[in-house]
Amino acid sequence: MEPRIGERIIGRDHPAGLLRAAVDRAVASHGGLVLVAGEPGIGKTTLVTAAADEARQRGALVLGAACWDSDSAPGYWPWVQVMRGLRRSADDWALARESSEPALRVLLGEDTGAGTGSGSGSGPADLADGDHEAFALYDAVTTALVSVSQRRPVIVVLDDLHWADPASMRLLRFATQHTWFERLLVIGTYRDAEVESAEHRLHPLLMPLTAKATTVTLTGLSRAEVGALISRTAGREPDAELLSEVHRRTGGNPFFVEQTARLWRAGGQVTTIAPGVRQAVQRRLAELPDAVVEVLTVAAVLGRDFHRQVLAACMPGPVAQVDRLLDRAVTARLVAARGEGRFTFAHDLVRETLYDALPDDDRRARHAAVVRAVDLSGALAERLIPADLARHAWLAGGALGRPAPPACSPPPAATRRGGWPRRRRWCTTAARWRSPTTRPSGSGRWSTSDGTCTTTPAGPRPTVSSPRPGRSRSPSTTRCCWRGSRTPCTGRRPSRTVRAPRRSCCGRRTGGSSASRTPLRRSPRSPPT
């Protein structure tokens, strides 16, 4: 049985089917252009390699090339590799040389003074300077490929087009436009997150090709597909909790999943960032402007999910500028919009890489900035749950410039809006963040003397006798430092204590407040005195 595209590729059945149809069409009648897009590590090269292997087994001539991310690369570098691959096939090279040898020799750097009509001795890197010389080269390369396609199908694979030089992209556009009805199929891969940015130098050259090409966009693997990839890489089945953690942190990126699975197989923790993954994320961040990286860093401090208003309040620039930088991060596929002003990181590994790169002092200062921003704006407290605000207050430490806020008190903004029902949640979550290794089942408070937290121990709460028969109450082991008293912290607004009035023999109240000294109405059931 013939091997099929995607037989060993997990989660790529539909993209493999599109490439298989393109190869079948090129072998039978005519080719075209297929562009495979996706983020780094998503599996573009793996998918295209499988398609090239099948085409080669079906008798097609496969010519591969890869672009190089360096200013030292010569002009038309991917097409130079294509022609070198064509020259390795003697019979096919004889056909190509017969139709367009002079220009091909110039492209390959073998003859710098003939073929293009200029006679100036210029190399292939200088051909883009003149329209006539460039057109002659485009026509020579296209004619050579068409001549070979008359003998057998030709598959040209151009990897990493986002690093190509502009002259190579113009040659690609010329070749695909003039060979549409020939048995010539061109397959290219590129990072859509980079090229789709208007600031990319190839944006005006590559984006028009997507309208005429069959575009295959690769996304992250599903949870079940991540489990299958972990099992194949590590050699054992992951449990449900570990699978969910890996899928959440990697976003289904196959490269990230494989690196994490290898780390797990070696005995490491899946919460640790693999060195290869960290380097890949850092290279991706290095391609962005510094202002965008700064916005992403503040967002990493806020957490995986954050709100646009909270992010803007923590940035020194105007809100409009923060919105533009955030849109750039969305275009780079590093964060995704969830609607209603909320955003989330595409991969938790990106957030962790940004957060781990911060020094300790800078990290505490950024957490303190979040707390101050919420204190100054009551509307921002609606965008953060008490647990997040307690986490920022705890991680800020002494950077707040004042004693840490009471753990059993709600934030001032929440109190001003009548947020007393949130108080119990604030006590519990703040106590949890003060003791990260344990999860106490009670309230907690900050100690302004030593910075420690007193929490209610877990387990059944003791009961004490109540003044009223048949009832008991459960005391709290901590004082309510929001109210500044020694009364148990019940999470309710303290009520004013009024001295109970005494009843005299004539039925009048005495001993209470003067406003309440009114005759006491007799109960209809009580006998007259």
Protein backbone atom coordinates (compact mmCIF):
# COMPACT_ATOMS: atom_id res chain seq x y z
CA MET A 1 0.00 0.00 0.00
CA GLU A 2 1.27 3.47 -0.86
CA PRO A 3 2.16 5.68 2.12
CA ARG A 4 -0.25 8.53 2.52
CA ILE A 5 0.48 12.10 3.50
CA GLY A 6 -0.10 12.65 7.19
CA GLU A 7 -0.02 8.94 8.04
CA ARG A 8 2.51 9.62 10.81
CA ILE A 9 1.49 13.20 11.46
CA ILE A 10 -0.94 13.57 14.36
CA GLY A 11 -3.86 15.92 13.93
CA ARG A 12 -3.18 17.00 10.34
CA ASP A 13 -5.68 14.94 8.36
CA HIS A 14 -7.41 17.87 6.67
CA PRO A 15 -4.26 19.86 5.76
CA ALA A 16 -2.66 16.65 4.47
CA GLY A 17 -5.72 16.04 2.31
CA LEU A 18 -5.39 19.48 0.71
CA LEU A 19 -1.75 18.88 -0.16
CA ARG A 20 -2.55 15.40 -1.44
CA ALA A 21 -5.17 16.85 -3.80
CA ALA A 22 -2.67 19.45 -5.07
CA VAL A 23 -0.06 16.76 -5.76
CA ASP A 24 -2.62 14.59 -7.57
CA ARG A 25 -3.64 17.53 -9.74
CA ALA A 26 -0.02 18.36 -10.61
CA VAL A 27 0.72 14.76 -11.57
CA ALA A 28 -2.41 14.45 -13.70
CA SER A 29 -2.89 17.80 -15.41
CA HIS A 30 -1.66 21.12 -13.96
CA GLY A 31 -0.14 22.55 -10.81
CA GLY A 32 -0.48 25.85 -9.00
CA LEU A 33 0.59 27.46 -5.74
CA VAL A 34 0.02 26.18 -2.20
CA LEU A 35 0.99 28.27 0.83
CA VAL A 36 1.21 26.64 4.25
CA ALA A 37 1.02 29.20 7.07
CA GLY A 38 1.34 28.98 10.82
CA GLU A 39 3.37 29.99 13.84
CA PRO A 40 6.86 28.62 14.56
CA GLY A 41 6.84 24.98 15.60
CA ILE A 42 3.31 24.30 14.38
CA GLY A 43 4.46 21.64 11.87
CA LYS A 44 4.65 23.38 8.49
CA THR A 45 7.92 21.82 7.38
CA THR A 46 6.88 18.37 8.59
CA LEU A 47 3.66 18.48 6.59
CA VAL A 48 5.33 19.76 3.42
CA THR A 49 8.11 17.17 3.69
CA ALA A 50 5.53 14.38 3.77
CA ALA A 51 3.89 15.78 0.63
CA ALA A 52 7.25 15.97 -1.14
CA ASP A 53 8.03 12.37 -0.25
CA GLU A 54 4.79 11.14 -1.79
CA ALA A 55 5.31 13.24 -4.91
CA ARG A 56 8.81 11.84 -5.30
CA GLN A 57 7.50 8.28 -5.02
CA ARG A 58 5.00 9.03 -7.75
CA GLY A 59 7.75 10.00 -10.21
CA ALA A 60 7.78 13.78 -9.78
CA LEU A 61 10.97 15.82 -9.61
CA VAL A 62 11.10 17.54 -6.20
CA LEU A 63 13.31 20.63 -5.92
CA GLY A 64 13.62 21.98 -2.37
CA ALA A 65 15.03 25.23 -1.02
CA ALA A 66 15.04 27.15 2.25
CA CYS A 67 15.37 30.87 2.82
CA TRP A 68 18.03 32.19 5.15
CA ASP A 69 17.51 34.86 7.81
CA SER A 70 20.67 36.85 7.22
CA ASP A 71 21.69 39.95 5.35
CA SER A 72 24.71 38.06 4.03
CA ALA A 73 22.55 35.74 1.92
CA PRO A 74 22.89 36.52 -1.80
CA GLY A 75 19.99 37.63 -3.93
CA TYR A 76 17.68 34.94 -5.31
CA TRP A 77 19.15 32.51 -2.79
CA PRO A 78 16.16 30.08 -2.71
CA TRP A 79 16.08 29.97 -6.52
CA VAL A 80 19.80 29.35 -6.64
CA GLN A 81 19.18 26.24 -4.53
CA VAL A 82 16.36 25.18 -6.86
CA MET A 83 18.59 25.43 -9.93
CA ARG A 84 21.39 23.56 -8.18
CA GLY A 85 18.97 20.77 -7.41
CA LEU A 86 17.87 20.73 -11.04
CA ARG A 87 21.48 20.48 -12.17
CA ARG A 88 21.99 17.33 -10.10
CA SER A 89 19.56 15.55 -12.43
CA ALA A 90 21.55 15.21 -15.67
CA ASP A 91 18.66 14.49 -18.01
CA ASP A 92 16.49 17.27 -16.63
CA TRP A 93 19.35 19.74 -16.57
CA ALA A 94 20.03 19.08 -20.25
CA LEU A 95 16.49 20.19 -21.11
CA ALA A 96 16.73 23.29 -18.93
CA ARG A 97 20.15 24.31 -20.21
CA GLU A 98 19.06 24.01 -23.81
CA SER A 99 16.30 26.58 -23.35
CA SER A 100 17.83 29.11 -20.97
CA GLU A 101 21.44 28.32 -20.19
CA PRO A 102 23.03 31.80 -20.39
CA ALA A 103 20.76 33.35 -17.77
CA LEU A 104 20.97 30.28 -15.53
CA ARG A 105 24.76 30.50 -15.54
CA VAL A 106 24.46 34.09 -14.34
CA LEU A 107 22.05 33.05 -11.59
CA LEU A 108 24.41 30.32 -10.44
CA GLY A 109 27.36 32.71 -10.50
CA GLU A 110 29.23 30.78 -13.19
CA ASP A 111 29.20 33.49 -15.86
CA THR A 112 28.78 37.11 -14.76
CA GLY A 113 29.11 38.69 -18.16
CA ALA A 114 26.66 36.98 -20.48
CA GLY A 115 23.07 36.09 -20.93
CA THR A 116 21.15 39.09 -19.74
CA GLY A 117 22.17 41.54 -22.41
CA SER A 118 23.79 43.97 -20.03
CA GLY A 119 27.43 42.90 -20.43
CA SER A 120 28.29 44.85 -17.29
CA GLY A 121 29.61 41.90 -15.34
CA SER A 122 26.98 42.18 -12.62
CA GLY A 123 26.12 39.16 -10.50
CA PRO A 124 22.66 37.79 -9.68
CA ALA A 125 22.35 40.00 -6.61
CA ASP A 126 22.40 43.10 -8.85
CA LEU A 127 19.83 41.92 -11.38
CA ALA A 128 16.94 43.39 -9.41
CA ASP A 129 18.26 46.89 -10.03
CA GLY A 130 17.21 46.82 -13.68
CA ASP A 131 13.75 45.83 -14.86
CA HIS A 132 15.00 44.41 -18.17
CA GLU A 133 17.70 42.23 -16.59
CA ALA A 134 15.31 41.01 -13.88
CA PHE A 135 12.64 40.12 -16.43
CA ALA A 136 15.16 38.13 -18.47
CA LEU A 137 16.16 36.16 -15.38
CA TYR A 138 12.53 35.52 -14.36
CA ASP A 139 11.74 34.25 -17.84
CA ALA A 140 14.82 32.02 -17.93
CA VAL A 141 14.03 30.30 -14.61
CA THR A 142 10.37 29.84 -15.55
CA THR A 143 11.24 28.45 -18.99
CA ALA A 144 13.68 25.97 -17.46
CA LEU A 145 11.05 24.63 -15.04
CA VAL A 146 8.38 24.41 -17.73
CA SER A 147 10.76 22.50 -20.04
CA VAL A 148 11.36 19.89 -17.36
CA SER A 149 7.64 19.68 -16.51
CA GLN A 150 6.98 18.55 -20.09
CA ARG A 151 8.98 15.43 -19.26
CA ARG A 152 7.65 14.75 -15.74
CA PRO A 153 5.85 16.70 -12.96
CA VAL A 154 7.93 19.20 -11.01
CA ILE A 155 7.33 20.10 -7.32
CA VAL A 156 9.18 23.15 -6.01
CA VAL A 157 9.24 23.55 -2.21
CA LEU A 158 10.27 26.93 -0.77
CA ASP A 159 10.55 26.88 3.02
CA ASP A 160 10.48 29.95 5.30
CA LEU A 161 9.34 32.50 2.75
CA HIS A 162 9.09 35.13 5.50
CA TRP A 163 12.92 35.33 5.30
CA ALA A 164 13.12 35.60 1.52
CA ASP A 165 14.53 38.64 -0.24
CA PRO A 166 12.12 40.83 -2.25
CA ALA A 167 13.69 39.80 -5.57
CA SER A 168 13.00 36.12 -4.86
CA MET A 169 9.37 36.92 -4.03
CA ARG A 170 8.94 38.77 -7.32
CA LEU A 171 10.38 35.78 -9.17
CA LEU A 172 7.93 33.51 -7.31
CA ARG A 173 5.04 35.70 -8.39
CA PHE A 174 6.21 35.66 -12.00
CA ALA A 175 6.69 31.88 -12.09
CA THR A 176 3.31 31.01 -10.56
CA GLN A 177 1.46 33.40 -12.83
CA HIS A 178 3.01 32.03 -16.04
CA THR A 179 2.92 28.29 -15.22
CA TRP A 180 -0.63 27.86 -14.04
CA PHE A 181 -1.48 25.30 -16.75
CA GLU A 182 1.81 23.41 -16.55
CA ARG A 183 2.61 20.38 -14.41
CA LEU A 184 4.51 22.58 -11.99
CA LEU A 185 3.42 22.84 -8.34
CA VAL A 186 5.03 25.38 -6.01
CA ILE A 187 4.61 24.86 -2.25
CA GLY A 188 5.73 27.58 0.14
CA THR A 189 5.71 27.91 3.92
CA TYR A 190 5.71 31.12 5.92
CA ARG A 191 4.84 32.50 9.35
CA ASP A 192 1.59 34.33 8.95
CA ALA A 193 1.96 36.12 12.29
CA GLU A 194 5.03 37.92 10.98
CA VAL A 195 4.16 38.59 7.35
CA GLU A 196 0.61 39.78 8.03
CA SER A 197 2.01 42.72 9.98
CA ALA A 198 1.96 45.85 7.82
CA GLU A 199 5.50 46.68 8.97
CA HIS A 200 7.00 43.51 7.50
CA ARG A 201 9.07 44.18 4.39
CA LEU A 202 7.45 41.29 2.47
CA HIS A 203 3.88 42.18 3.38
CA PRO A 204 3.09 43.92 0.05
CA LEU A 205 4.70 41.06 -1.92
CA LEU A 206 3.43 37.95 -0.16
CA MET A 207 -0.09 38.97 0.77
CA PRO A 208 -1.26 39.35 -2.88
CA LEU A 209 -0.15 35.75 -3.53
CA THR A 210 -2.54 34.41 -0.89
CA ALA A 211 -5.50 35.49 -3.03
CA LYS A 212 -4.38 33.22 -5.88
CA ALA A 213 -2.97 30.35 -3.84
CA THR A 214 -4.47 27.48 -1.90
CA THR A 215 -3.72 28.59 1.66
CA VAL A 216 -3.42 25.98 4.40
CA THR A 217 -3.33 27.46 7.91
CA LEU A 218 -2.15 25.19 10.70
CA THR A 219 -3.41 25.65 14.26
CA GLY A 220 -2.75 23.97 17.60
CA LEU A 221 -3.60 20.35 18.30
CA SER A 222 -6.63 19.34 20.30
CA ARG A 223 -6.42 17.84 23.77
CA ALA A 224 -6.75 14.28 22.49
CA GLU A 225 -4.13 14.89 19.79
CA VAL A 226 -1.74 16.33 22.38
CA GLY A 227 -2.19 13.14 24.40
CA ALA A 228 -1.37 10.99 21.38
CA LEU A 229 1.75 13.05 20.66
CA ILE A 230 2.92 12.80 24.27
CA SER A 231 2.41 9.03 24.22
CA ARG A 232 4.42 8.66 21.02
CA THR A 233 7.24 10.92 22.24
CA ALA A 234 7.53 9.78 25.85
CA GLY A 235 6.53 6.16 25.36
CA ARG A 236 3.85 6.16 28.04
CA GLU A 237 0.34 7.45 28.55
CA PRO A 238 -0.09 10.71 30.50
CA ASP A 239 -2.79 11.02 33.13
CA ALA A 240 -5.72 13.38 32.68
CA GLU A 241 -4.32 16.13 34.92
CA LEU A 242 -0.92 16.16 33.25
CA LEU A 243 -2.51 16.12 29.80
CA SER A 244 -4.68 19.13 30.63
CA GLU A 245 -1.69 21.01 32.00
CA VAL A 246 0.46 20.38 28.92
CA HIS A 247 -2.36 21.30 26.54
CA ARG A 248 -3.06 24.53 28.43
CA ARG A 249 0.58 25.62 28.61
CA THR A 250 1.58 24.73 25.05
CA GLY A 251 -1.61 25.69 23.24
CA GLY A 252 -1.31 22.51 21.19
CA ASN A 253 1.91 23.59 19.47
CA PRO A 254 3.54 20.30 18.37
CA PHE A 255 7.10 21.52 18.97
CA PHE A 256 6.28 22.72 22.47
CA VAL A 257 4.43 19.48 23.21
CA GLU A 258 7.33 17.32 22.06
CA GLN A 259 9.88 19.29 24.07
CA THR A 260 7.71 19.09 27.17
CA ALA A 261 7.14 15.36 26.66
CA ARG A 262 10.88 14.72 26.40
CA LEU A 263 11.41 16.69 29.60
CA TRP A 264 8.72 14.62 31.31
CA ARG A 265 10.24 11.37 30.05
CA ALA A 266 13.59 12.39 31.55
CA GLY A 267 11.98 12.86 34.96
CA GLY A 268 11.41 16.61 34.84
CA GLN A 269 8.30 18.55 35.70
CA VAL A 270 5.93 19.60 32.94
CA THR A 271 5.69 23.03 34.59
CA THR A 272 9.34 23.62 33.71
CA ILE A 273 10.06 25.39 30.43
CA ALA A 274 12.29 23.27 28.22
CA PRO A 275 15.45 25.08 27.00
CA GLY A 276 14.50 24.65 23.36
CA VAL A 277 11.06 26.12 23.97
CA ARG A 278 12.45 29.09 25.88
CA GLN A 279 14.89 29.89 23.07
CA ALA A 280 12.13 29.62 20.47
CA VAL A 281 9.90 32.01 22.42
CA GLN A 282 12.74 34.46 22.98
CA ARG A 283 13.58 34.52 19.27
CA ARG A 284 9.95 35.19 18.49
CA LEU A 285 9.80 38.06 21.00
CA ALA A 286 13.05 39.52 19.65
CA GLU A 287 11.37 40.15 16.32
CA LEU A 288 8.81 42.50 17.89
CA PRO A 289 9.35 46.18 18.74
CA ASP A 290 10.42 46.97 22.28
CA ALA A 291 7.13 48.76 23.00
CA VAL A 292 5.12 45.63 22.13
CA VAL A 293 7.35 43.48 24.34
CA GLU A 294 6.81 45.93 27.20
CA VAL A 295 3.04 45.65 26.84
CA LEU A 296 3.31 41.87 26.81
CA THR A 297 5.50 41.99 29.92
CA VAL A 298 2.90 44.00 31.85
CA ALA A 299 0.23 41.60 30.63
CA ALA A 300 2.35 38.67 31.85
CA VAL A 301 2.36 40.23 35.32
CA LEU A 302 -1.42 40.52 35.23
CA GLY A 303 -1.81 36.82 34.40
CA ARG A 304 -2.78 34.61 31.51
CA ASP A 305 -6.16 36.36 31.20
CA PHE A 306 -6.27 40.13 31.52
CA HIS A 307 -8.50 43.09 30.73
CA ARG A 308 -7.58 45.92 28.43
CA GLN A 309 -8.52 48.65 30.93
CA VAL A 310 -6.36 47.17 33.67
CA LEU A 311 -3.46 46.85 31.24
CA ALA A 312 -3.82 50.46 30.12
CA ALA A 313 -3.96 51.67 33.76
CA CYS A 314 -0.62 49.97 34.45
CA MET A 315 1.11 51.50 31.42
CA PRO A 316 2.58 55.02 31.39
CA GLY A 317 1.45 55.85 27.85
CA PRO A 318 -1.96 56.97 26.61
CA VAL A 319 -4.74 54.44 26.24
CA ALA A 320 -4.83 54.77 22.43
CA GLN A 321 -1.15 53.85 22.17
CA VAL A 322 -1.63 50.84 24.45
CA ASP A 323 -4.50 49.68 22.25
CA ARG A 324 -2.33 49.89 19.12
CA LEU A 325 0.47 47.94 20.75
CA LEU A 326 -2.00 45.34 21.98
CA ASP A 327 -3.39 44.96 18.46
CA ARG A 328 0.14 44.33 17.23
CA ALA A 329 0.52 41.56 19.80
CA VAL A 330 -2.75 40.03 18.58
CA THR A 331 -1.47 40.15 15.00
CA ALA A 332 1.69 38.37 16.14
CA ARG A 333 -0.52 35.53 17.48
CA LEU A 334 0.92 35.94 20.98
CA VAL A 335 -2.37 36.98 22.58
CA ALA A 336 -5.95 36.39 21.50
CA ALA A 337 -9.04 38.53 22.02
CA ARG A 338 -11.89 36.96 23.97
CA GLY A 339 -14.40 39.78 23.64
CA GLU A 340 -15.61 42.57 25.94
CA GLY A 341 -12.09 43.92 26.37
CA ARG A 342 -10.59 40.68 27.67
CA PHE A 343 -7.52 38.99 26.22
CA THR A 344 -5.57 35.80 26.89
CA PHE A 345 -2.10 34.56 26.02
CA ALA A 346 -2.03 32.08 23.15
CA HIS A 347 0.52 29.99 25.07
CA ASP A 348 1.13 30.10 28.77
CA LEU A 349 4.78 29.39 27.92
CA VAL A 350 5.03 32.84 26.37
CA ARG A 351 3.72 34.46 29.54
CA GLU A 352 6.02 32.41 31.75
CA THR A 353 9.05 33.28 29.62
CA LEU A 354 8.30 36.99 29.90
CA TYR A 355 7.60 36.80 33.62
CA ASP A 356 10.68 34.74 34.46
CA ALA A 357 12.91 37.22 32.64
CA LEU A 358 11.99 40.02 35.09
CA PRO A 359 14.33 40.74 38.02
CA ASP A 360 12.83 40.31 41.47
CA ASP A 361 12.70 44.04 42.24
CA ASP A 362 11.10 44.85 38.91
CA ARG A 363 8.61 42.05 39.38
CA ARG A 364 7.50 43.35 42.80
CA ALA A 365 7.27 46.90 41.49
CA ARG A 366 4.99 45.83 38.66
CA HIS A 367 2.69 43.94 41.03
CA ALA A 368 2.58 47.00 43.28
CA ALA A 369 1.63 49.15 40.29
CA VAL A 370 -1.39 46.91 39.69
CA VAL A 371 -2.55 47.33 43.30
CA ARG A 372 -2.14 51.11 43.18
CA ALA A 373 -4.03 51.33 39.88
CA VAL A 374 -6.98 49.47 41.39
CA ASP A 375 -6.89 51.65 44.52
CA LEU A 376 -7.12 54.80 42.40
CA SER A 377 -9.98 53.59 40.22
CA GLY A 378 -13.01 51.84 41.60
CA ALA A 379 -14.04 50.74 38.11
CA LEU A 380 -10.90 48.62 37.72
CA ALA A 381 -11.82 46.47 40.72
CA GLU A 382 -14.70 45.10 38.66
CA ARG A 383 -12.11 43.76 36.18
CA LEU A 384 -10.18 41.81 38.81
CA ILE A 385 -11.49 39.12 41.09
CA PRO A 386 -10.42 39.36 44.75
CA ALA A 387 -8.09 36.39 44.35
CA ASP A 388 -6.08 38.21 41.65
CA LEU A 389 -5.87 41.40 43.68
CA ALA A 390 -4.75 39.45 46.74
CA ARG A 391 -2.09 37.73 44.63
CA HIS A 392 -0.73 41.06 43.37
CA ALA A 393 -0.67 42.48 46.92
CA TRP A 394 1.20 39.47 48.23
CA LEU A 395 3.73 39.34 45.38
CA ALA A 396 4.34 43.11 45.62
CA GLY A 397 5.72 42.69 49.15
CA GLY A 398 7.44 45.82 50.39
CA ALA A 399 7.22 47.53 46.99
CA LEU A 400 3.86 48.98 48.00
CA GLY A 401 5.62 51.36 50.38
CA ARG A 402 3.19 50.58 53.20
CA PRO A 403 2.19 47.56 55.24
CA ALA A 404 0.56 44.90 53.17
CA PRO A 405 -3.23 45.18 53.12
CA PRO A 406 -5.19 43.08 55.62
CA ALA A 407 -5.88 39.68 54.23
CA CYS A 408 -9.31 39.50 55.82
CA SER A 409 -10.45 42.84 54.42
CA PRO A 410 -11.84 43.68 51.01
CA PRO A 411 -10.02 46.21 48.83
CA PRO A 412 -11.06 49.82 49.55
CA ALA A 413 -12.61 50.18 46.12
CA ALA A 414 -14.83 47.18 46.72
CA THR A 415 -15.85 48.54 50.13
CA ARG A 416 -16.84 51.91 48.70
CA ARG A 417 -19.15 50.17 46.26
CA GLY A 418 -20.84 48.21 49.01
CA GLY A 419 -18.64 45.19 48.47
CA TRP A 420 -19.04 43.67 51.93
CA PRO A 421 -20.31 40.39 50.44
CA ARG A 422 -16.86 40.02 48.88
CA ARG A 423 -15.15 40.20 52.22
CA ARG A 424 -15.24 36.51 53.02
CA ARG A 425 -13.80 35.67 49.60
CA TRP A 426 -11.03 38.24 50.11
CA CYS A 427 -10.13 36.67 53.47
CA THR A 428 -9.97 33.16 52.07
CA THR A 429 -8.05 33.93 48.87
CA ALA A 430 -5.55 36.23 50.55
CA ALA A 431 -4.85 33.60 53.19
CA ARG A 432 -4.30 31.06 50.43
CA TRP A 433 -1.74 33.28 48.69
CA ARG A 434 0.05 34.02 51.96
CA SER A 435 0.62 30.28 52.43
CA PRO A 436 1.33 28.89 48.94
CA THR A 437 2.26 25.43 50.16
CA THR A 438 -0.94 24.87 52.13
CA ARG A 439 -4.56 25.67 51.55
CA PRO A 440 -6.08 26.74 54.87
CA SER A 441 -9.81 26.52 55.27
CA GLY A 442 -10.33 29.79 57.07
CA SER A 443 -9.59 33.49 57.22
CA GLY A 444 -6.20 35.13 57.47
CA ARG A 445 -4.73 38.44 58.52
CA TRP A 446 -1.50 40.32 57.99
CA SER A 447 0.78 40.93 60.93
CA THR A 448 2.29 44.40 60.63
CA SER A 449 5.14 43.44 62.94
CA ASP A 450 6.76 40.48 61.21
CA GLY A 451 4.86 40.28 57.91
CA THR A 452 3.45 36.84 58.64
CA CYS A 453 -0.08 35.67 58.22
CA THR A 454 -2.27 34.03 60.84
CA THR A 455 -4.81 31.67 59.38
CA THR A 456 -7.51 29.46 60.71
CA PRO A 457 -6.22 25.87 60.76
CA ALA A 458 -7.94 23.31 58.61
CA GLY A 459 -10.23 20.72 60.10
CA PRO A 460 -13.44 20.84 62.12
CA ARG A 461 -14.00 24.10 63.94
CA PRO A 462 -14.58 23.90 67.70
CA THR A 463 -17.87 25.02 69.20
CA VAL A 464 -18.43 26.87 72.43
CA SER A 465 -21.48 27.30 74.56
CA SER A 466 -23.90 30.03 73.65
CA PRO A 467 -25.83 32.30 76.05
CA ARG A 468 -28.99 31.04 74.39
CA PRO A 469 -29.87 27.45 75.27
CA GLY A 470 -29.75 24.89 72.51
CA ARG A 471 -27.41 26.89 70.27
CA SER A 472 -23.69 26.98 69.74
CA ARG A 473 -21.34 29.17 67.78
CA SER A 474 -17.96 28.64 66.09
CA PRO A 475 -15.33 31.18 67.02
CA SER A 476 -12.67 32.49 64.61
CA THR A 477 -9.05 32.13 65.59
CA THR A 478 -8.04 35.48 64.12
CA ARG A 479 -8.95 39.07 64.80
CA CYS A 480 -10.57 41.24 62.20
CA CYS A 481 -7.88 43.74 61.39
CA TRP A 482 -10.17 45.60 58.96
CA ARG A 483 -12.36 46.64 61.89
CA GLY A 484 -9.44 46.90 64.28
CA SER A 485 -11.11 44.90 67.05
CA ARG A 486 -10.84 41.54 68.71
CA THR A 487 -14.28 40.39 67.63
CA PRO A 488 -14.48 37.30 65.42
CA CYS A 489 -14.14 37.95 61.68
CA THR A 490 -17.53 36.93 60.31
CA GLY A 491 -17.29 38.66 56.96
CA ARG A 492 -20.28 40.95 57.77
CA ARG A 493 -20.48 44.65 58.43
CA PRO A 494 -20.12 45.26 62.17
CA SER A 495 -23.24 46.60 63.78
CA ARG A 496 -23.31 49.24 66.50
CA THR A 497 -23.72 47.74 69.98
CA VAL A 498 -26.65 49.29 71.91
CA ARG A 499 -27.03 48.72 75.58
CA ALA A 500 -30.08 46.63 76.32
CA PRO A 501 -32.84 48.64 78.06
CA ARG A 502 -34.10 47.68 81.45
CA ARG A 503 -37.75 47.39 82.31
CA SER A 504 -39.12 49.16 85.38
CA CYS A 505 -42.07 48.11 87.40
CA CYS A 506 -44.30 50.62 85.60
CA GLY A 507 -43.49 49.24 82.17
CA ARG A 508 -41.10 52.00 81.11
CA ARG A 509 -37.68 51.45 79.54
CA THR A 510 -34.70 52.75 81.42
CA GLY A 511 -30.96 52.58 80.89
CA GLY A 512 -31.05 52.81 77.08
CA SER A 513 -30.66 55.79 74.83
CA SER A 514 -32.82 58.81 75.47
CA ALA A 515 -34.50 58.48 72.11
CA SER A 516 -35.75 55.00 72.96
CA ARG A 517 -37.30 55.80 76.39
CA THR A 518 -40.91 55.28 75.40
CA PRO A 519 -43.68 53.39 77.21
CA LEU A 520 -43.54 49.71 76.57
CA ARG A 521 -46.65 48.30 74.99
CA ARG A 522 -48.16 45.40 76.82
CA SER A 523 -48.51 42.11 75.13
CA PRO A 524 -52.15 41.10 74.61
CA ARG A 525 -51.34 37.75 76.21
CA SER A 526 -49.89 39.18 79.42
CA PRO A 527 -52.31 39.61 82.33
CA PRO A 528 -52.97 43.13 83.59
CA THR A 529 -50.93 44.27 86.57
